[in-house]
Amino acid sequence: MLKKKIGVVLMFICSGATLLADATGISIRADVQSRILTSGDKLPVQVDYSFPENRFFSGYLLSAYLPYVPKAFSEATGIPVNKNQDPRWSSLNISGWQWFEGGKRQPGKLDLEFDTTSWPPGDYKLELRGLFRDIKTSVESDLYRSAYFYLTITEP
């Protein structure tokens, strides 16, 4: 009986380790050249990403949680708030999902640019969320990883 319990525990631990090993093989990092911009400037973001052989980088989304953008952001930009019962988790999808045709199959770098027209002055914590899919393209195996960065927008 004890051997059976130990076997079940070992099987559980090993299956968890496999999931962790797969997840830790994915990384995404976003870097901005200037952390202080004027509203209306272009926001250049350099993205470094890597993933294991069984995955590819499918797409990205620029977003923010409501507490980390100026209060006037949604009204000023017209971007709707994704409301949550807990206001700390309410968010805004700034860019919408952007998909790579065929996906990025090799780790690498990516230069993105976002328009800050109508962004109100203030401090921002933004999230660049990446979707990493299994080569088998099963939705159940999708993994999301995020990179966060800070910036300040000033008045023109």
C-alpha atoms as a PDB file:
ATOM      1  CA  MET A   1       0.000   0.000   0.000  1.00  0.00           C
ATOM      2  CA  LEU A   2       2.819   2.395   0.916  1.00  0.00           C
ATOM      3  CA  LYS A   3       4.614   1.645  -2.379  1.00  0.00           C
ATOM      4  CA  LYS A   4       1.441   2.482  -4.305  1.00  0.00           C
ATOM      5  CA  LYS A   5       1.089   5.856  -2.507  1.00  0.00           C
ATOM      6  CA  ILE A   6       4.750   6.693  -3.118  1.00  0.00           C
ATOM      7  CA  GLY A   7       4.333   5.789  -6.798  1.00  0.00           C
ATOM      8  CA  VAL A   8       1.314   8.080  -7.158  1.00  0.00           C
ATOM      9  CA  VAL A   9       3.146  10.944  -5.434  1.00  0.00           C
ATOM     10  CA  LEU A  10       6.223  10.466  -7.654  1.00  0.00           C
ATOM     11  CA  MET A  11       4.051  10.370 -10.784  1.00  0.00           C
ATOM     12  CA  PHE A  12       2.351  13.629  -9.698  1.00  0.00           C
ATOM     13  CA  ILE A  13       5.691  15.330  -8.997  1.00  0.00           C
ATOM     14  CA  CYS A  14       7.182  14.200 -12.315  1.00  0.00           C
ATOM     15  CA  SER A  15       4.173  15.333 -14.344  1.00  0.00           C
ATOM     16  CA  GLY A  16       4.341  18.748 -12.647  1.00  0.00           C
ATOM     17  CA  ALA A  17       8.043  19.020 -13.385  1.00  0.00           C
ATOM     18  CA  THR A  18       7.364  18.351 -17.071  1.00  0.00           C
ATOM     19  CA  LEU A  19       4.841  21.200 -17.198  1.00  0.00           C
ATOM     20  CA  LEU A  20       7.260  23.553 -15.431  1.00  0.00           C
ATOM     21  CA  ALA A  21      10.121  22.650 -17.750  1.00  0.00           C
ATOM     22  CA  ASP A  22       7.982  23.461 -20.786  1.00  0.00           C
ATOM     23  CA  ALA A  23       6.773  26.768 -19.331  1.00  0.00           C
ATOM     24  CA  THR A  24      10.213  27.926 -18.237  1.00  0.00           C
ATOM     25  CA  GLY A  25      11.527  27.522 -21.771  1.00  0.00           C
ATOM     26  CA  ILE A  26       9.467  30.539 -22.849  1.00  0.00           C
ATOM     27  CA  SER A  27      10.555  34.101 -22.257  1.00  0.00           C
ATOM     28  CA  ILE A  28       9.510  37.500 -23.505  1.00  0.00           C
ATOM     29  CA  ARG A  29      11.131  40.818 -22.641  1.00  0.00           C
ATOM     30  CA  ALA A  30      10.066  44.291 -23.748  1.00  0.00           C
ATOM     31  CA  ASP A  31      12.356  47.297 -23.671  1.00  0.00           C
ATOM     32  CA  VAL A  32      11.549  50.915 -24.484  1.00  0.00           C
ATOM     33  CA  GLN A  33      14.302  53.299 -25.576  1.00  0.00           C
ATOM     34  CA  SER A  34      12.731  56.338 -23.959  1.00  0.00           C
ATOM     35  CA  ARG A  35      10.673  56.148 -20.797  1.00  0.00           C
ATOM     36  CA  ILE A  36       9.404  59.723 -21.131  1.00  0.00           C
ATOM     37  CA  LEU A  37       7.304  60.568 -24.185  1.00  0.00           C
ATOM     38  CA  THR A  38       5.021  63.384 -25.241  1.00  0.00           C
ATOM     39  CA  SER A  39       1.415  62.464 -26.024  1.00  0.00           C
ATOM     40  CA  GLY A  40       1.292  61.829 -29.769  1.00  0.00           C
ATOM     41  CA  ASP A  41       4.830  60.418 -29.985  1.00  0.00           C
ATOM     42  CA  LYS A  42       5.486  56.949 -31.341  1.00  0.00           C
ATOM     43  CA  LEU A  43       6.306  54.392 -28.657  1.00  0.00           C
ATOM     44  CA  PRO A  44       9.044  52.083 -29.978  1.00  0.00           C
ATOM     45  CA  VAL A  45       9.275  48.749 -28.147  1.00  0.00           C
ATOM     46  CA  GLN A  46      11.979  46.159 -28.749  1.00  0.00           C
ATOM     47  CA  VAL A  47      10.886  42.643 -27.888  1.00  0.00           C
ATOM     48  CA  ASP A  48      13.243  39.720 -27.240  1.00  0.00           C
ATOM     49  CA  TYR A  49      11.576  36.335 -27.184  1.00  0.00           C
ATOM     50  CA  SER A  50      12.566  32.689 -26.936  1.00  0.00           C
ATOM     51  CA  PHE A  51      10.742  29.400 -26.705  1.00  0.00           C
ATOM     52  CA  PRO A  52      11.398  25.648 -26.905  1.00  0.00           C
ATOM     53  CA  GLU A  53      11.402  23.733 -30.218  1.00  0.00           C
ATOM     54  CA  ASN A  54       7.840  22.505 -29.753  1.00  0.00           C
ATOM     55  CA  ARG A  55       6.395  26.057 -29.675  1.00  0.00           C
ATOM     56  CA  PHE A  56       6.088  29.181 -31.806  1.00  0.00           C
ATOM     57  CA  PHE A  57       5.278  32.847 -31.121  1.00  0.00           C
ATOM     58  CA  SER A  58       1.782  33.356 -32.518  1.00  0.00           C
ATOM     59  CA  GLY A  59       0.864  36.950 -31.625  1.00  0.00           C
ATOM     60  CA  TYR A  60       0.888  39.760 -29.102  1.00  0.00           C
ATOM     61  CA  LEU A  61      -1.371  42.241 -27.352  1.00  0.00           C
ATOM     62  CA  LEU A  62      -0.499  45.554 -25.682  1.00  0.00           C
ATOM     63  CA  SER A  63      -2.674  46.051 -22.624  1.00  0.00           C
ATOM     64  CA  ALA A  64      -2.784  47.612 -19.176  1.00  0.00           C
ATOM     65  CA  TYR A  65      -4.612  47.112 -15.921  1.00  0.00           C
ATOM     66  CA  LEU A  66      -6.780  50.106 -15.108  1.00  0.00           C
ATOM     67  CA  PRO A  67      -4.963  51.092 -11.886  1.00  0.00           C
ATOM     68  CA  TYR A  68      -1.722  51.512 -13.898  1.00  0.00           C
ATOM     69  CA  VAL A  69      -2.838  54.124 -16.418  1.00  0.00           C
ATOM     70  CA  PRO A  70      -4.178  57.652 -15.857  1.00  0.00           C
ATOM     71  CA  LYS A  71      -7.870  57.748 -14.891  1.00  0.00           C
ATOM     72  CA  ALA A  72      -8.725  59.650 -18.085  1.00  0.00           C
ATOM     73  CA  PHE A  73      -7.149  57.038 -20.413  1.00  0.00           C
ATOM     74  CA  SER A  74     -10.287  55.187 -21.535  1.00  0.00           C
ATOM     75  CA  GLU A  75     -12.305  58.358 -22.132  1.00  0.00           C
ATOM     76  CA  ALA A  76      -9.425  60.159 -23.889  1.00  0.00           C
ATOM     77  CA  THR A  77      -8.605  57.257 -26.232  1.00  0.00           C
ATOM     78  CA  GLY A  78     -12.030  55.684 -26.698  1.00  0.00           C
ATOM     79  CA  ILE A  79     -10.635  52.284 -25.678  1.00  0.00           C
ATOM     80  CA  PRO A  80     -13.278  50.442 -23.652  1.00  0.00           C
ATOM     81  CA  VAL A  81     -12.550  49.061 -20.192  1.00  0.00           C
ATOM     82  CA  ASN A  82     -12.787  45.303 -19.695  1.00  0.00           C
ATOM     83  CA  LYS A  83     -14.518  45.479 -16.314  1.00  0.00           C
ATOM     84  CA  ASN A  84     -13.933  42.978 -13.545  1.00  0.00           C
ATOM     85  CA  GLN A  85     -15.762  42.594 -10.233  1.00  0.00           C
ATOM     86  CA  ASP A  86     -12.472  43.431  -8.568  1.00  0.00           C
ATOM     87  CA  PRO A  87     -11.511  46.841 -10.057  1.00  0.00           C
ATOM     88  CA  ARG A  88      -7.808  46.025  -9.672  1.00  0.00           C
ATOM     89  CA  TRP A  89      -8.240  43.468 -12.503  1.00  0.00           C
ATOM     90  CA  SER A  90     -10.162  45.735 -14.877  1.00  0.00           C
ATOM     91  CA  SER A  91      -8.058  46.218 -18.006  1.00  0.00           C
ATOM     92  CA  LEU A  92      -7.725  47.872 -21.414  1.00  0.00           C
ATOM     93  CA  ASN A  93      -6.586  46.202 -24.640  1.00  0.00           C
ATOM     94  CA  ILE A  94      -4.602  49.008 -26.203  1.00  0.00           C
ATOM     95  CA  SER A  95      -3.508  47.333 -29.448  1.00  0.00           C
ATOM     96  CA  GLY A  96      -5.880  44.423 -29.883  1.00  0.00           C
ATOM     97  CA  TRP A  97      -4.320  41.075 -30.770  1.00  0.00           C
ATOM     98  CA  GLN A  98      -1.745  41.281 -33.553  1.00  0.00           C
ATOM     99  CA  TRP A  99      -1.088  37.935 -35.257  1.00  0.00           C
ATOM    100  CA  PHE A 100       2.025  36.789 -37.109  1.00  0.00           C
ATOM    101  CA  GLU A 101       1.095  35.010 -40.323  1.00  0.00           C
ATOM    102  CA  GLY A 102       2.437  31.506 -39.844  1.00  0.00           C
ATOM    103  CA  GLY A 103       3.910  32.498 -36.468  1.00  0.00           C
ATOM    104  CA  LYS A 104       7.478  33.293 -35.489  1.00  0.00           C
ATOM    105  CA  ARG A 105       9.190  29.895 -35.658  1.00  0.00           C
ATOM    106  CA  GLN A 106      12.638  30.925 -34.397  1.00  0.00           C
ATOM    107  CA  PRO A 107      13.543  32.837 -31.223  1.00  0.00           C
ATOM    108  CA  GLY A 108      14.591  36.389 -31.950  1.00  0.00           C
ATOM    109  CA  LYS A 109      13.888  40.099 -31.691  1.00  0.00           C
ATOM    110  CA  LEU A 110      11.027  42.212 -32.870  1.00  0.00           C
ATOM    111  CA  ASP A 111      10.650  45.989 -33.206  1.00  0.00           C
ATOM    112  CA  LEU A 112       7.126  47.246 -32.526  1.00  0.00           C
ATOM    113  CA  GLU A 113       5.712  50.757 -32.559  1.00  0.00           C
ATOM    114  CA  PHE A 114       2.576  52.083 -30.897  1.00  0.00           C
ATOM    115  CA  ASP A 115       0.895  55.452 -31.388  1.00  0.00           C
ATOM    116  CA  THR A 116       0.338  57.508 -28.210  1.00  0.00           C
ATOM    117  CA  THR A 117      -1.996  60.036 -29.834  1.00  0.00           C
ATOM    118  CA  SER A 118      -4.643  61.106 -27.309  1.00  0.00           C
ATOM    119  CA  TRP A 119      -2.925  59.340 -24.404  1.00  0.00           C
ATOM    120  CA  PRO A 120      -3.342  61.577 -21.368  1.00  0.00           C
ATOM    121  CA  PRO A 121      -0.320  62.710 -19.354  1.00  0.00           C
ATOM    122  CA  GLY A 122       0.702  60.467 -16.505  1.00  0.00           C
ATOM    123  CA  ASP A 123       2.554  57.338 -15.499  1.00  0.00           C
ATOM    124  CA  TYR A 124       1.919  53.999 -17.184  1.00  0.00           C
ATOM    125  CA  LYS A 125       2.697  50.355 -16.516  1.00  0.00           C
ATOM    126  CA  LEU A 126       2.016  48.485 -19.759  1.00  0.00           C
ATOM    127  CA  GLU A 127       1.885  44.770 -20.490  1.00  0.00           C
ATOM    128  CA  LEU A 128       3.008  43.162 -23.726  1.00  0.00           C
ATOM    129  CA  ARG A 129       1.374  39.734 -23.686  1.00  0.00           C
ATOM    130  CA  GLY A 130       2.616  37.046 -26.051  1.00  0.00           C
ATOM    131  CA  LEU A 131       0.826  33.880 -27.120  1.00  0.00           C
ATOM    132  CA  PHE A 132       3.062  30.848 -27.580  1.00  0.00           C
ATOM    133  CA  ARG A 133       1.378  27.917 -29.280  1.00  0.00           C
ATOM    134  CA  ASP A 134       2.347  24.292 -29.485  1.00  0.00           C
ATOM    135  CA  ILE A 135       3.470  23.161 -32.954  1.00  0.00           C
ATOM    136  CA  LYS A 136       0.417  20.867 -32.899  1.00  0.00           C
ATOM    137  CA  THR A 137      -1.687  24.085 -32.647  1.00  0.00           C
ATOM    138  CA  SER A 138      -3.936  22.747 -29.936  1.00  0.00           C
ATOM    139  CA  VAL A 139      -5.705  25.621 -28.172  1.00  0.00           C
ATOM    140  CA  GLU A 140      -5.620  23.646 -24.913  1.00  0.00           C
ATOM    141  CA  SER A 141      -1.826  23.938 -24.875  1.00  0.00           C
ATOM    142  CA  ASP A 142      -1.625  27.717 -25.480  1.00  0.00           C
ATOM    143  CA  LEU A 143       0.751  29.508 -23.122  1.00  0.00           C
ATOM    144  CA  TYR A 144       0.707  33.243 -22.480  1.00  0.00           C
ATOM    145  CA  ARG A 145       3.723  35.128 -21.176  1.00  0.00           C
ATOM    146  CA  SER A 146       3.939  38.835 -20.372  1.00  0.00           C
ATOM    147  CA  ALA A 147       6.581  41.529 -20.286  1.00  0.00           C
ATOM    148  CA  TYR A 148       5.903  44.735 -18.358  1.00  0.00           C
ATOM    149  CA  PHE A 149       7.416  48.154 -18.847  1.00  0.00           C
ATOM    150  CA  TYR A 150       6.925  51.652 -17.449  1.00  0.00           C
ATOM    151  CA  LEU A 151       6.757  55.038 -19.086  1.00  0.00           C
ATOM    152  CA  THR A 152       5.572  58.578 -18.513  1.00  0.00           C
ATOM    153  CA  ILE A 153       3.528  60.579 -21.005  1.00  0.00           C
ATOM    154  CA  THR A 154       3.774  64.359 -20.856  1.00  0.00           C
ATOM    155  CA  GLU A 155       1.550  67.020 -22.433  1.00  0.00           C
ATOM    156  CA  PRO A 156       2.501  68.210 -25.942  1.00  0.00           C
END
